[in-house]
């Protein structure tokens, strides 16, 4: 009777098949996957600021121009408000848009890891903003990184606040048209524009690629951060 030949040869060890390699994940994707639930963060922040100001839902609705029912949905984390709506709420609460992305009672921490930086997408325009600054440090500055899609436009009905707020926008790549009151500036990569948040502002990307820019917000006052 013929025997079946040993194709491995003598002394060859049998190894199990190798497991398939895990797909590569970019640092940005990893950070986005582990970033905090921003809608929940905003809900808690709005509730805390409204309580600190002693405002009822009706009073905040009157001050901000946002309906009582919408504010209630936001505070319960049951809706994803647009950037324009959040800016109205921020003005009614005496803070800034950046201030709504703060934890209600943050612990002072000098380092903000990328995975812990709140990353939020505006459902109205599709622009993404990442809150870069470490929370609870008492710093009067906040850094925000923005990716603004081609053709997108966001207009804020900004008015004078009780506490002066200064802002600078540094365009990293792409093109950006930024209007402050009646004046409009066309920014190219590397340009930086400084202005006060005391009149209507509008952001528009007229180019074919995403505009990436850094925003520096400066303000001092109780409850802002």
N, C-alpha and C. Protein backbone atom coordinates (compact mmCIF):
# COMPACT_ATOMS: atom_id res chain seq x y z
N UNK A 1 0.85 -1.19 0.00
CA UNK A 1 0.00 0.00 0.00
C UNK A 1 0.88 1.24 0.00
N UNK A 2 0.53 2.17 -0.87
CA UNK A 2 1.34 3.39 -0.96
C UNK A 2 1.00 4.34 0.19
N UNK A 3 1.99 4.97 0.76
CA UNK A 3 1.77 5.95 1.84
C UNK A 3 1.76 7.36 1.25
N UNK A 4 0.98 8.27 1.88
CA UNK A 4 0.90 9.66 1.41
C UNK A 4 2.15 10.41 1.82
N UNK A 5 2.82 11.06 0.89
CA UNK A 5 4.06 11.75 1.25
C UNK A 5 3.79 12.93 2.18
N UNK A 6 4.76 13.21 3.07
CA UNK A 6 4.68 14.35 3.99
C UNK A 6 5.20 15.58 3.27
N UNK A 7 4.29 16.52 2.89
CA UNK A 7 4.69 17.66 2.09
C UNK A 7 5.47 18.71 2.89
N UNK A 8 5.36 18.69 4.24
CA UNK A 8 6.09 19.68 5.04
C UNK A 8 7.55 19.29 5.20
N UNK A 9 7.83 18.02 5.05
CA UNK A 9 9.18 17.58 5.33
C UNK A 9 9.34 17.28 6.80
N UNK A 10 10.36 16.50 7.12
CA UNK A 10 10.57 16.10 8.50
C UNK A 10 10.95 17.31 9.35
N UNK A 11 10.41 17.30 10.55
CA UNK A 11 10.76 18.34 11.52
C UNK A 11 10.05 19.65 11.31
N UNK A 12 9.20 19.77 10.29
CA UNK A 12 8.48 21.03 10.05
C UNK A 12 7.32 21.16 11.02
N UNK A 13 7.19 22.32 11.63
CA UNK A 13 6.12 22.56 12.60
C UNK A 13 4.91 23.12 11.89
N UNK A 14 3.73 22.74 12.36
CA UNK A 14 2.49 23.26 11.78
C UNK A 14 2.06 24.49 12.56
N UNK A 15 1.89 25.62 11.89
CA UNK A 15 1.48 26.86 12.54
C UNK A 15 0.06 27.21 12.13
N UNK A 16 -0.74 27.76 13.02
CA UNK A 16 -2.08 28.19 12.64
C UNK A 16 -2.00 29.37 11.69
N UNK A 17 -3.00 29.54 10.84
CA UNK A 17 -2.96 30.69 9.90
C UNK A 17 -2.92 32.00 10.65
N UNK A 18 -2.18 32.95 10.09
CA UNK A 18 -2.03 34.26 10.75
C UNK A 18 -3.35 35.00 10.74
N UNK A 19 -3.62 35.73 11.83
CA UNK A 19 -4.84 36.54 11.91
C UNK A 19 -4.73 37.71 10.95
N UNK A 20 -5.82 38.11 10.34
CA UNK A 20 -5.76 39.26 9.41
C UNK A 20 -5.35 40.52 10.14
N UNK A 21 -4.57 41.35 9.46
CA UNK A 21 -4.08 42.58 10.08
C UNK A 21 -5.25 43.54 10.31
N UNK A 22 -5.20 44.24 11.45
CA UNK A 22 -6.24 45.23 11.74
C UNK A 22 -6.09 46.41 10.82
N UNK A 23 -7.20 46.99 10.37
CA UNK A 23 -7.10 48.14 9.47
C UNK A 23 -6.45 49.32 10.16
N UNK A 24 -5.64 50.04 9.41
CA UNK A 24 -4.97 51.21 9.99
C UNK A 24 -5.98 52.28 10.31
N UNK A 25 -5.77 52.96 11.45
CA UNK A 25 -6.66 54.04 11.88
C UNK A 25 -5.86 55.29 12.05
N UNK A 26 -6.30 56.37 11.45
CA UNK A 26 -5.58 57.63 11.56
C UNK A 26 -5.78 58.21 12.95
N UNK A 27 -4.81 59.04 13.43
CA UNK A 27 -4.99 59.68 14.73
C UNK A 27 -6.26 60.50 14.82
N UNK A 28 -6.63 61.18 13.72
CA UNK A 28 -7.85 61.99 13.74
C UNK A 28 -9.08 61.13 13.93
N UNK A 29 -9.11 59.95 13.23
CA UNK A 29 -10.26 59.06 13.37
C UNK A 29 -10.33 58.49 14.77
N UNK A 30 -9.16 58.17 15.35
CA UNK A 30 -9.16 57.64 16.71
C UNK A 30 -9.68 58.66 17.70
N UNK A 31 -9.25 59.91 17.52
CA UNK A 31 -9.70 60.96 18.43
C UNK A 31 -11.20 61.18 18.31
N UNK A 32 -11.70 61.17 17.06
CA UNK A 32 -13.13 61.39 16.86
C UNK A 32 -13.94 60.26 17.48
N UNK A 33 -13.39 59.04 17.42
CA UNK A 33 -14.12 57.89 17.95
C UNK A 33 -14.23 57.92 19.46
N UNK A 34 -13.26 58.57 20.12
CA UNK A 34 -13.25 58.56 21.58
C UNK A 34 -13.59 59.92 22.18
N UNK A 35 -13.90 60.92 21.35
CA UNK A 35 -14.22 62.25 21.85
C UNK A 35 -15.50 62.21 22.68
N UNK A 36 -15.63 63.15 23.63
CA UNK A 36 -16.82 63.15 24.48
C UNK A 36 -18.10 63.35 23.67
N UNK A 37 -19.25 62.94 24.23
CA UNK A 37 -20.55 63.17 23.62
C UNK A 37 -20.85 64.65 23.74
N UNK A 38 -20.68 65.38 22.64
CA UNK A 38 -20.75 66.84 22.71
C UNK A 38 -22.17 67.33 22.95
N UNK A 39 -23.18 66.65 22.40
CA UNK A 39 -24.56 67.08 22.65
C UNK A 39 -24.89 67.00 24.14
N UNK A 40 -24.40 65.95 24.80
CA UNK A 40 -24.60 65.83 26.25
C UNK A 40 -23.85 66.92 26.99
N UNK A 41 -22.64 67.23 26.52
CA UNK A 41 -21.83 68.29 27.13
C UNK A 41 -22.54 69.63 27.02
N UNK A 42 -23.06 69.94 25.82
CA UNK A 42 -23.77 71.20 25.61
C UNK A 42 -25.03 71.25 26.47
N UNK A 43 -25.75 70.14 26.56
CA UNK A 43 -26.98 70.09 27.36
C UNK A 43 -26.69 70.45 28.81
N UNK A 44 -25.65 69.84 29.38
CA UNK A 44 -25.30 70.10 30.77
C UNK A 44 -24.83 71.53 30.97
N UNK A 45 -24.10 72.05 30.00
CA UNK A 45 -23.57 73.41 30.10
C UNK A 45 -24.69 74.45 30.05
N UNK A 46 -25.63 74.28 29.13
CA UNK A 46 -26.76 75.22 29.04
C UNK A 46 -27.58 75.20 30.31
N UNK A 47 -27.84 74.00 30.83
CA UNK A 47 -28.58 73.89 32.08
C UNK A 47 -27.88 74.61 33.22
N UNK A 48 -26.55 74.40 33.33
CA UNK A 48 -25.78 74.99 34.41
C UNK A 48 -25.75 76.52 34.31
N UNK A 49 -25.55 77.03 33.11
CA UNK A 49 -25.50 78.49 32.93
C UNK A 49 -26.86 79.13 33.18
N UNK A 50 -27.91 78.48 32.74
CA UNK A 50 -29.26 79.02 32.96
C UNK A 50 -29.58 79.04 34.45
N UNK A 51 -29.22 77.97 35.15
CA UNK A 51 -29.46 77.91 36.60
C UNK A 51 -28.65 78.98 37.33
N UNK A 52 -27.38 79.15 36.93
CA UNK A 52 -26.52 80.14 37.58
C UNK A 52 -27.05 81.56 37.38
N UNK A 53 -27.68 81.80 36.22
CA UNK A 53 -28.23 83.12 35.94
C UNK A 53 -29.62 83.31 36.51
N UNK A 54 -30.20 82.24 37.07
CA UNK A 54 -31.54 82.32 37.64
C UNK A 54 -32.61 82.55 36.60
N UNK A 55 -32.41 82.00 35.40
CA UNK A 55 -33.36 82.21 34.31
C UNK A 55 -34.29 81.02 34.15
N UNK A 56 -35.56 81.29 33.95
CA UNK A 56 -36.50 80.23 33.58
C UNK A 56 -36.34 79.95 32.09
N UNK A 57 -36.96 78.87 31.62
CA UNK A 57 -36.92 78.59 30.19
C UNK A 57 -37.54 79.74 29.40
N UNK A 58 -38.63 80.28 29.92
CA UNK A 58 -39.30 81.38 29.23
C UNK A 58 -38.41 82.62 29.16
N UNK A 59 -37.71 82.91 30.26
CA UNK A 59 -36.86 84.10 30.29
C UNK A 59 -35.68 83.95 29.32
N UNK A 60 -35.08 82.77 29.28
CA UNK A 60 -33.97 82.55 28.35
C UNK A 60 -34.46 82.60 26.90
N UNK A 61 -35.66 82.08 26.66
CA UNK A 61 -36.22 82.13 25.31
C UNK A 61 -36.39 83.58 24.85
N UNK A 62 -36.85 84.43 25.76
CA UNK A 62 -37.06 85.84 25.42
C UNK A 62 -35.73 86.54 25.17
N UNK A 63 -34.72 86.23 25.97
CA UNK A 63 -33.42 86.89 25.84
C UNK A 63 -32.65 86.42 24.61
N UNK A 64 -32.82 85.16 24.22
CA UNK A 64 -32.00 84.59 23.15
C UNK A 64 -32.69 84.53 21.80
N UNK A 65 -34.01 84.57 21.79
CA UNK A 65 -34.73 84.39 20.54
C UNK A 65 -34.85 82.93 20.12
N UNK A 66 -34.52 82.03 21.04
CA UNK A 66 -34.67 80.58 20.80
C UNK A 66 -35.92 80.13 21.55
N UNK A 67 -36.76 79.35 20.92
CA UNK A 67 -38.03 78.97 21.53
C UNK A 67 -37.83 78.14 22.81
N UNK A 68 -38.80 78.23 23.70
CA UNK A 68 -38.76 77.48 24.95
C UNK A 68 -38.66 75.99 24.69
N UNK A 69 -39.43 75.49 23.73
CA UNK A 69 -39.43 74.06 23.44
C UNK A 69 -38.08 73.61 22.91
N UNK A 70 -37.42 74.43 22.09
CA UNK A 70 -36.10 74.07 21.57
C UNK A 70 -35.06 74.05 22.69
N UNK A 71 -35.12 75.04 23.58
CA UNK A 71 -34.18 75.06 24.71
C UNK A 71 -34.37 73.81 25.57
N UNK A 72 -35.61 73.42 25.80
CA UNK A 72 -35.90 72.23 26.58
C UNK A 72 -35.31 70.98 25.92
N UNK A 73 -35.46 70.87 24.60
CA UNK A 73 -34.89 69.73 23.88
C UNK A 73 -33.37 69.71 23.98
N UNK A 74 -32.75 70.89 23.86
CA UNK A 74 -31.29 70.99 23.96
C UNK A 74 -30.82 70.55 25.33
N UNK A 75 -31.50 71.01 26.39
CA UNK A 75 -31.09 70.68 27.75
C UNK A 75 -31.28 69.20 28.07
N UNK A 76 -32.16 68.53 27.33
CA UNK A 76 -32.35 67.09 27.53
C UNK A 76 -31.49 66.27 26.58
N UNK A 77 -30.70 66.96 25.75
CA UNK A 77 -29.84 66.26 24.82
C UNK A 77 -30.59 65.51 23.74
N UNK A 78 -31.78 66.00 23.38
CA UNK A 78 -32.63 65.30 22.42
C UNK A 78 -32.60 65.93 21.02
N UNK A 79 -31.71 66.90 20.81
CA UNK A 79 -31.58 67.51 19.49
C UNK A 79 -30.15 67.97 19.30
N UNK A 80 -29.75 68.13 18.05
CA UNK A 80 -28.42 68.65 17.73
C UNK A 80 -28.59 70.05 17.13
N UNK A 81 -28.47 71.08 17.95
CA UNK A 81 -28.70 72.44 17.47
C UNK A 81 -27.61 72.90 16.51
N UNK A 82 -27.96 73.85 15.65
CA UNK A 82 -27.00 74.41 14.71
C UNK A 82 -26.10 75.42 15.42
N UNK A 83 -25.01 75.79 14.74
CA UNK A 83 -24.10 76.78 15.30
C UNK A 83 -24.79 78.13 15.47
N UNK A 84 -25.64 78.51 14.52
CA UNK A 84 -26.36 79.79 14.61
C UNK A 84 -27.26 79.82 15.83
N UNK A 85 -27.97 78.72 16.08
CA UNK A 85 -28.85 78.65 17.23
C UNK A 85 -28.05 78.67 18.54
N UNK A 86 -26.92 77.96 18.56
CA UNK A 86 -26.09 77.94 19.77
C UNK A 86 -25.50 79.32 20.06
N UNK A 87 -25.16 80.06 19.02
CA UNK A 87 -24.65 81.42 19.22
C UNK A 87 -25.71 82.31 19.86
N UNK A 88 -26.96 82.16 19.44
CA UNK A 88 -28.04 82.92 20.07
C UNK A 88 -28.19 82.56 21.55
N UNK A 89 -28.12 81.27 21.84
CA UNK A 89 -28.21 80.83 23.23
C UNK A 89 -27.04 81.38 24.05
N UNK A 90 -25.85 81.31 23.47
CA UNK A 90 -24.67 81.80 24.18
C UNK A 90 -24.82 83.27 24.54
N UNK A 91 -25.31 84.09 23.58
CA UNK A 91 -25.51 85.51 23.85
C UNK A 91 -26.54 85.71 24.94
N UNK A 92 -27.62 84.93 24.92
CA UNK A 92 -28.64 85.05 25.95
C UNK A 92 -28.16 84.64 27.32
N UNK A 93 -27.16 83.75 27.36
CA UNK A 93 -26.60 83.27 28.64
C UNK A 93 -25.38 84.07 29.08
N UNK A 94 -24.99 85.06 28.27
CA UNK A 94 -23.85 85.90 28.64
C UNK A 94 -22.51 85.24 28.44
N UNK A 95 -22.42 84.27 27.54
CA UNK A 95 -21.16 83.61 27.27
C UNK A 95 -20.87 83.66 25.78
N UNK A 96 -19.92 82.86 25.32
CA UNK A 96 -19.57 82.78 23.91
C UNK A 96 -19.94 81.40 23.38
N UNK A 97 -19.88 81.24 22.06
CA UNK A 97 -20.12 79.93 21.48
C UNK A 97 -19.11 78.92 22.03
N UNK A 98 -17.85 79.34 22.12
CA UNK A 98 -16.82 78.45 22.69
C UNK A 98 -17.13 78.08 24.13
N UNK A 99 -17.78 78.99 24.86
CA UNK A 99 -18.11 78.74 26.25
C UNK A 99 -19.13 77.64 26.44
N UNK A 100 -19.92 77.33 25.40
CA UNK A 100 -20.92 76.26 25.52
C UNK A 100 -20.30 74.88 25.40
N UNK A 101 -19.02 74.81 25.02
CA UNK A 101 -18.35 73.52 24.88
C UNK A 101 -17.47 73.21 26.10
N UNK A 102 -17.65 73.99 27.17
CA UNK A 102 -16.94 73.74 28.42
C UNK A 102 -17.73 72.76 29.29
N UNK A 103 -17.03 71.99 30.11
CA UNK A 103 -17.70 71.15 31.09
C UNK A 103 -18.30 72.05 32.16
N UNK A 104 -19.49 71.70 32.72
CA UNK A 104 -20.11 72.55 33.73
C UNK A 104 -19.23 72.78 34.95
N UNK A 105 -18.49 71.77 35.38
CA UNK A 105 -17.59 71.90 36.54
C UNK A 105 -16.27 71.21 36.22
N UNK A 106 -15.47 71.81 35.32
CA UNK A 106 -14.25 71.14 34.88
C UNK A 106 -13.17 71.12 35.96
N UNK A 107 -12.39 70.05 36.00
CA UNK A 107 -11.23 69.98 36.86
C UNK A 107 -10.05 70.59 36.11
N UNK A 108 -9.27 71.41 36.82
CA UNK A 108 -8.13 72.07 36.19
C UNK A 108 -7.14 71.01 35.72
N UNK A 109 -6.78 71.08 34.46
CA UNK A 109 -5.86 70.13 33.86
C UNK A 109 -5.08 70.86 32.77
N UNK A 110 -3.74 70.93 32.89
CA UNK A 110 -2.97 71.72 31.92
C UNK A 110 -2.83 71.08 30.55
N UNK A 111 -3.16 69.79 30.42
CA UNK A 111 -2.99 69.10 29.15
C UNK A 111 -4.33 68.57 28.65
N UNK A 112 -4.67 68.89 27.41
CA UNK A 112 -5.88 68.35 26.77
C UNK A 112 -5.44 67.39 25.67
N UNK A 113 -5.58 66.10 25.91
CA UNK A 113 -5.23 65.10 24.91
C UNK A 113 -6.19 65.20 23.73
N UNK A 114 -5.70 64.86 22.54
CA UNK A 114 -6.53 64.95 21.34
C UNK A 114 -7.81 64.13 21.49
N UNK A 115 -7.72 62.97 22.11
CA UNK A 115 -8.90 62.09 22.26
C UNK A 115 -9.94 62.69 23.20
N UNK A 116 -9.54 63.65 24.03
CA UNK A 116 -10.46 64.25 25.00
C UNK A 116 -11.00 65.60 24.55
N UNK A 117 -10.57 66.09 23.41
CA UNK A 117 -11.01 67.39 22.92
C UNK A 117 -12.38 67.25 22.23
N UNK A 118 -13.39 67.96 22.72
CA UNK A 118 -14.72 67.85 22.10
C UNK A 118 -14.70 68.20 20.62
N UNK A 119 -15.20 67.28 19.81
CA UNK A 119 -15.28 67.47 18.36
C UNK A 119 -16.75 67.51 17.98
N UNK A 120 -17.16 68.59 17.32
CA UNK A 120 -18.59 68.80 17.03
C UNK A 120 -18.77 69.19 15.58
N UNK A 121 -19.84 68.69 14.97
CA UNK A 121 -20.18 69.02 13.58
C UNK A 121 -21.49 69.80 13.56
N UNK A 122 -21.47 70.95 12.91
CA UNK A 122 -22.66 71.78 12.77
C UNK A 122 -23.62 71.11 11.79
N UNK A 123 -24.82 70.72 12.24
CA UNK A 123 -25.74 70.05 11.32
C UNK A 123 -26.27 70.97 10.22
N UNK A 124 -26.11 72.29 10.39
CA UNK A 124 -26.60 73.23 9.39
C UNK A 124 -25.67 73.39 8.21
N UNK A 125 -24.37 73.55 8.47
CA UNK A 125 -23.40 73.82 7.41
C UNK A 125 -22.44 72.66 7.16
N UNK A 126 -22.32 71.76 8.13
CA UNK A 126 -21.37 70.65 8.01
C UNK A 126 -19.98 70.99 8.50
N UNK A 127 -19.75 72.21 9.00
CA UNK A 127 -18.40 72.53 9.47
C UNK A 127 -18.13 71.82 10.79
N UNK A 128 -16.86 71.48 11.02
CA UNK A 128 -16.45 70.79 12.24
C UNK A 128 -15.57 71.71 13.08
N UNK A 129 -15.79 71.69 14.37
CA UNK A 129 -14.97 72.47 15.29
C UNK A 129 -14.46 71.57 16.41
N UNK A 130 -13.20 71.74 16.74
CA UNK A 130 -12.59 70.99 17.83
C UNK A 130 -12.13 71.97 18.90
N UNK A 131 -12.62 71.79 20.12
CA UNK A 131 -12.21 72.64 21.24
C UNK A 131 -10.86 72.14 21.75
N UNK A 132 -9.81 72.93 21.54
CA UNK A 132 -8.44 72.46 21.81
C UNK A 132 -7.97 72.72 23.23
N UNK A 133 -8.46 73.78 23.86
CA UNK A 133 -7.87 74.25 25.12
C UNK A 133 -8.18 73.34 26.31
N UNK A 134 -7.21 73.16 27.20
CA UNK A 134 -7.46 72.41 28.44
C UNK A 134 -8.52 73.12 29.28
N UNK A 135 -9.44 72.39 29.91
CA UNK A 135 -10.52 73.02 30.68
C UNK A 135 -10.08 73.39 32.10
N UNK A 136 -10.80 74.33 32.67
CA UNK A 136 -10.65 74.65 34.09
C UNK A 136 -9.35 75.30 34.49
N UNK A 137 -8.59 75.86 33.54
CA UNK A 137 -7.30 76.45 33.89
C UNK A 137 -7.39 77.91 34.31
N UNK A 138 -8.54 78.54 34.06
CA UNK A 138 -8.68 79.95 34.38
C UNK A 138 -8.10 80.87 33.33
N UNK A 139 -7.66 80.32 32.22
CA UNK A 139 -7.08 81.15 31.15
C UNK A 139 -8.18 81.96 30.46
N UNK A 140 -7.89 83.21 30.08
CA UNK A 140 -8.89 84.01 29.37
C UNK A 140 -8.96 83.68 27.88
N UNK A 141 -8.15 82.74 27.41
CA UNK A 141 -8.11 82.39 25.99
C UNK A 141 -8.69 81.00 25.76
N UNK A 142 -9.30 80.82 24.58
CA UNK A 142 -9.73 79.51 24.13
C UNK A 142 -9.30 79.34 22.68
N UNK A 143 -8.77 78.16 22.36
CA UNK A 143 -8.36 77.82 21.01
C UNK A 143 -9.35 76.83 20.41
N UNK A 144 -9.74 77.09 19.17
CA UNK A 144 -10.69 76.23 18.46
C UNK A 144 -10.15 75.98 17.06
N UNK A 145 -10.13 74.71 16.64
CA UNK A 145 -9.74 74.35 15.27
C UNK A 145 -11.00 74.08 14.46
N UNK A 146 -11.07 74.66 13.26
CA UNK A 146 -12.27 74.53 12.43
C UNK A 146 -11.91 74.00 11.05
N UNK A 147 -12.75 73.07 10.55
CA UNK A 147 -12.68 72.61 9.16
C UNK A 147 -13.99 73.02 8.50
N UNK A 148 -13.91 73.93 7.53
CA UNK A 148 -15.08 74.56 6.93
C UNK A 148 -15.23 74.06 5.48
N UNK A 149 -16.32 73.36 5.16
CA UNK A 149 -16.46 72.73 3.84
C UNK A 149 -16.56 73.74 2.69
N UNK A 150 -16.21 73.32 1.47
CA UNK A 150 -16.36 74.20 0.30
C UNK A 150 -17.80 74.65 0.12
N UNK A 151 -17.99 75.94 -0.12
CA UNK A 151 -19.32 76.49 -0.36
C UNK A 151 -20.13 76.77 0.88
N UNK A 152 -19.65 76.34 2.05
CA UNK A 152 -20.43 76.52 3.28
C UNK A 152 -20.47 77.99 3.69
N UNK A 153 -21.56 78.36 4.36
CA UNK A 153 -21.70 79.72 4.88
C UNK A 153 -22.45 79.67 6.21
N UNK A 154 -21.95 80.40 7.20
CA UNK A 154 -22.60 80.52 8.50
C UNK A 154 -22.62 81.99 8.89
N UNK A 155 -23.79 82.52 9.22
CA UNK A 155 -23.94 83.93 9.61
C UNK A 155 -24.48 83.99 11.03
N UNK A 156 -23.75 84.69 11.90
CA UNK A 156 -24.15 84.85 13.29
C UNK A 156 -24.73 86.23 13.53
N UNK A 157 -25.83 86.30 14.26
CA UNK A 157 -26.45 87.59 14.59
C UNK A 157 -25.83 88.14 15.87
N UNK A 158 -24.53 88.27 15.85
CA UNK A 158 -23.80 88.68 17.04
C UNK A 158 -24.09 90.14 17.38
N UNK A 159 -24.28 90.40 18.67
CA UNK A 159 -24.47 91.76 19.15
C UNK A 159 -23.52 92.03 20.29
N UNK A 160 -23.56 93.24 20.80
CA UNK A 160 -22.68 93.61 21.90
C UNK A 160 -23.00 92.78 23.14
N UNK A 161 -21.97 92.35 23.84
CA UNK A 161 -22.13 91.59 25.08
C UNK A 161 -21.73 92.45 26.26
N UNK A 162 -22.17 92.03 27.45
CA UNK A 162 -21.83 92.78 28.66
C UNK A 162 -20.32 92.76 28.89
N UNK A 163 -19.67 91.64 28.51
CA UNK A 163 -18.22 91.50 28.63
C UNK A 163 -17.61 91.53 27.24
N UNK A 164 -16.63 92.40 26.98
CA UNK A 164 -16.01 92.45 25.65
C UNK A 164 -15.38 91.10 25.28
N UNK A 165 -15.58 90.68 24.04
CA UNK A 165 -15.01 89.43 23.55
C UNK A 165 -14.20 89.73 22.30
N UNK A 166 -12.94 89.33 22.32
CA UNK A 166 -12.05 89.50 21.16
C UNK A 166 -11.81 88.15 20.49
N UNK A 167 -11.66 88.19 19.17
CA UNK A 167 -11.46 86.94 18.44
C UNK A 167 -10.43 87.16 17.33
N UNK A 168 -9.60 86.15 17.09
CA UNK A 168 -8.68 86.17 15.96
C UNK A 168 -8.85 84.88 15.18
N UNK A 169 -8.80 84.98 13.86
CA UNK A 169 -8.93 83.83 12.97
C UNK A 169 -7.67 83.75 12.12
N UNK A 170 -6.96 82.63 12.23
CA UNK A 170 -5.74 82.39 11.44
C UNK A 170 -6.03 81.28 10.45
N UNK A 171 -6.02 81.59 9.15
CA UNK A 171 -6.34 80.61 8.13
C UNK A 171 -5.11 79.75 7.83
N UNK A 172 -5.25 78.45 8.02
CA UNK A 172 -4.14 77.51 7.81
C UNK A 172 -4.05 77.07 6.36
N UNK A 173 -5.20 76.72 5.77
CA UNK A 173 -5.22 76.34 4.37
C UNK A 173 -6.59 76.61 3.77
N UNK A 174 -6.62 76.78 2.44
CA UNK A 174 -7.87 77.08 1.76
C UNK A 174 -8.11 78.57 1.65
N UNK A 175 -9.38 78.93 1.44
CA UNK A 175 -9.80 80.31 1.33
C UNK A 175 -10.98 80.55 2.25
N UNK A 176 -11.13 81.81 2.70
CA UNK A 176 -12.22 82.14 3.61
C UNK A 176 -12.60 83.61 3.43
N UNK A 177 -13.90 83.85 3.31
CA UNK A 177 -14.42 85.21 3.33
C UNK A 177 -15.08 85.44 4.69
N UNK A 178 -14.62 86.46 5.39
CA UNK A 178 -15.11 86.72 6.75
C UNK A 178 -15.66 88.13 6.80
N UNK A 179 -16.95 88.23 7.15
CA UNK A 179 -17.61 89.53 7.25
C UNK A 179 -17.82 89.88 8.72
N UNK A 180 -17.48 91.11 9.07
CA UNK A 180 -17.71 91.65 10.41
C UNK A 180 -18.45 92.96 10.23
N UNK A 181 -19.73 92.98 10.62
CA UNK A 181 -20.52 94.16 10.35
C UNK A 181 -20.63 94.37 8.84
N UNK A 182 -20.41 95.60 8.35
CA UNK A 182 -20.56 95.87 6.91
C UNK A 182 -19.33 95.53 6.08
N UNK A 183 -18.25 95.12 6.72
CA UNK A 183 -16.99 94.93 6.01
C UNK A 183 -16.68 93.44 5.83
N UNK A 184 -16.11 93.09 4.65
CA UNK A 184 -15.76 91.70 4.35
C UNK A 184 -14.29 91.62 3.96
N UNK A 185 -13.60 90.62 4.54
CA UNK A 185 -12.20 90.37 4.21
C UNK A 185 -12.08 89.03 3.49
N UNK A 186 -11.23 88.97 2.47
CA UNK A 186 -10.92 87.71 1.79
C UNK A 186 -9.58 87.22 2.33
N UNK A 187 -9.60 86.08 3.02
CA UNK A 187 -8.39 85.55 3.63
C UNK A 187 -7.80 84.44 2.78
N UNK A 188 -6.46 84.45 2.65
CA UNK A 188 -5.72 83.36 2.03
C UNK A 188 -4.90 82.67 3.12
N UNK A 189 -4.37 81.50 2.80
CA UNK A 189 -3.62 80.73 3.79
C UNK A 189 -2.51 81.58 4.40
N UNK A 190 -2.44 81.58 5.72
CA UNK A 190 -1.44 82.36 6.45
C UNK A 190 -1.96 83.68 6.98
N UNK A 191 -3.09 84.18 6.43
CA UNK A 191 -3.65 85.45 6.89
C UNK A 191 -4.30 85.28 8.26
N UNK A 192 -4.27 86.35 9.05
CA UNK A 192 -4.89 86.35 10.39
C UNK A 192 -5.69 87.64 10.56
N UNK A 193 -6.94 87.49 10.99
CA UNK A 193 -7.84 88.64 11.17
C UNK A 193 -8.27 88.73 12.62
N UNK A 194 -8.18 89.92 13.20
CA UNK A 194 -8.60 90.18 14.58
C UNK A 194 -9.83 91.09 14.56
N UNK A 195 -10.79 90.80 15.45
CA UNK A 195 -12.00 91.62 15.51
C UNK A 195 -12.71 91.40 16.84
N UNK A 196 -13.64 92.28 17.16
CA UNK A 196 -14.46 92.18 18.37
C UNK A 196 -15.79 91.51 18.03
N UNK A 197 -16.29 90.70 18.93
CA UNK A 197 -17.59 90.06 18.74
C UNK A 197 -18.68 90.99 19.27
N UNK A 198 -18.94 92.07 18.54
CA UNK A 198 -19.96 93.02 18.98
C UNK A 198 -20.88 93.43 17.84
N UNK A 199 -20.80 92.71 16.73
CA UNK A 199 -21.68 92.97 15.59
C UNK A 199 -21.79 91.70 14.76
N UNK A 200 -22.78 91.63 13.85
CA UNK A 200 -22.97 90.40 13.08
C UNK A 200 -21.71 89.98 12.33
N UNK A 201 -21.48 88.66 12.29
CA UNK A 201 -20.33 88.10 11.58
C UNK A 201 -20.80 86.97 10.68
N UNK A 202 -20.07 86.75 9.58
CA UNK A 202 -20.42 85.68 8.65
C UNK A 202 -19.14 85.05 8.11
N UNK A 203 -19.16 83.73 7.99
CA UNK A 203 -18.04 82.96 7.45
C UNK A 203 -18.51 82.27 6.16
N UNK A 204 -17.69 82.38 5.11
CA UNK A 204 -18.04 81.74 3.84
C UNK A 204 -16.77 81.18 3.20
N UNK A 205 -16.86 79.94 2.73
CA UNK A 205 -15.74 79.32 2.02
C UNK A 205 -16.05 79.33 0.52
N UNK A 206 -15.42 80.24 -0.25
CA UNK A 206 -15.70 80.33 -1.68
C UNK A 206 -14.86 79.38 -2.53
N UNK A 207 -13.94 78.67 -1.90
CA UNK A 207 -13.01 77.84 -2.65
C UNK A 207 -13.48 76.41 -2.86
N UNK A 208 -12.69 75.63 -3.61
CA UNK A 208 -13.06 74.25 -3.91
C UNK A 208 -12.58 73.24 -2.87
N UNK A 209 -11.81 73.70 -1.88
CA UNK A 209 -11.31 72.79 -0.86
C UNK A 209 -11.71 73.25 0.52
N UNK A 210 -11.65 72.33 1.47
CA UNK A 210 -11.99 72.65 2.86
C UNK A 210 -11.03 73.71 3.40
N UNK A 211 -11.59 74.70 4.05
CA UNK A 211 -10.78 75.73 4.70
C UNK A 211 -10.52 75.30 6.15
N UNK A 212 -9.28 75.30 6.54
CA UNK A 212 -8.91 74.96 7.91
C UNK A 212 -8.34 76.21 8.58
N UNK A 213 -8.88 76.52 9.77
CA UNK A 213 -8.39 77.70 10.46
C UNK A 213 -8.44 77.52 11.98
N UNK A 214 -7.65 78.35 12.63
CA UNK A 214 -7.58 78.36 14.09
C UNK A 214 -8.26 79.63 14.60
N UNK A 215 -9.11 79.46 15.60
CA UNK A 215 -9.79 80.60 16.22
C UNK A 215 -9.27 80.77 17.65
N UNK A 216 -8.92 81.99 17.98
CA UNK A 216 -8.53 82.34 19.35
C UNK A 216 -9.60 83.27 19.89
N UNK A 217 -10.24 82.87 20.98
CA UNK A 217 -11.28 83.68 21.62
C UNK A 217 -10.74 84.16 22.96
N UNK A 218 -10.84 85.45 23.21
CA UNK A 218 -10.34 86.03 24.45
C UNK A 218 -11.45 86.81 25.14
N UNK A 219 -11.70 86.46 26.41
CA UNK A 219 -12.72 87.17 27.20
C UNK A 219 -12.49 86.86 28.66
N UNK A 220 -12.83 87.79 29.52
CA UNK A 220 -12.74 87.57 30.96
C UNK A 220 -14.08 87.95 31.56
N UNK A 221 -14.53 87.15 32.51
CA UNK A 221 -15.79 87.42 33.16
C UNK A 221 -16.34 86.18 33.83
N UNK A 222 -17.13 86.36 34.86
CA UNK A 222 -17.72 85.27 35.61
C UNK A 222 -18.65 84.46 34.72
N UNK A 223 -18.45 83.13 34.69
CA UNK A 223 -19.34 82.23 33.96
C UNK A 223 -19.04 82.08 32.49
N UNK A 224 -18.06 82.84 31.96
CA UNK A 224 -17.73 82.73 30.54
C UNK A 224 -17.12 81.37 30.23
N UNK A 225 -16.18 80.93 31.05
CA UNK A 225 -15.51 79.67 30.82
C UNK A 225 -15.80 78.69 31.96
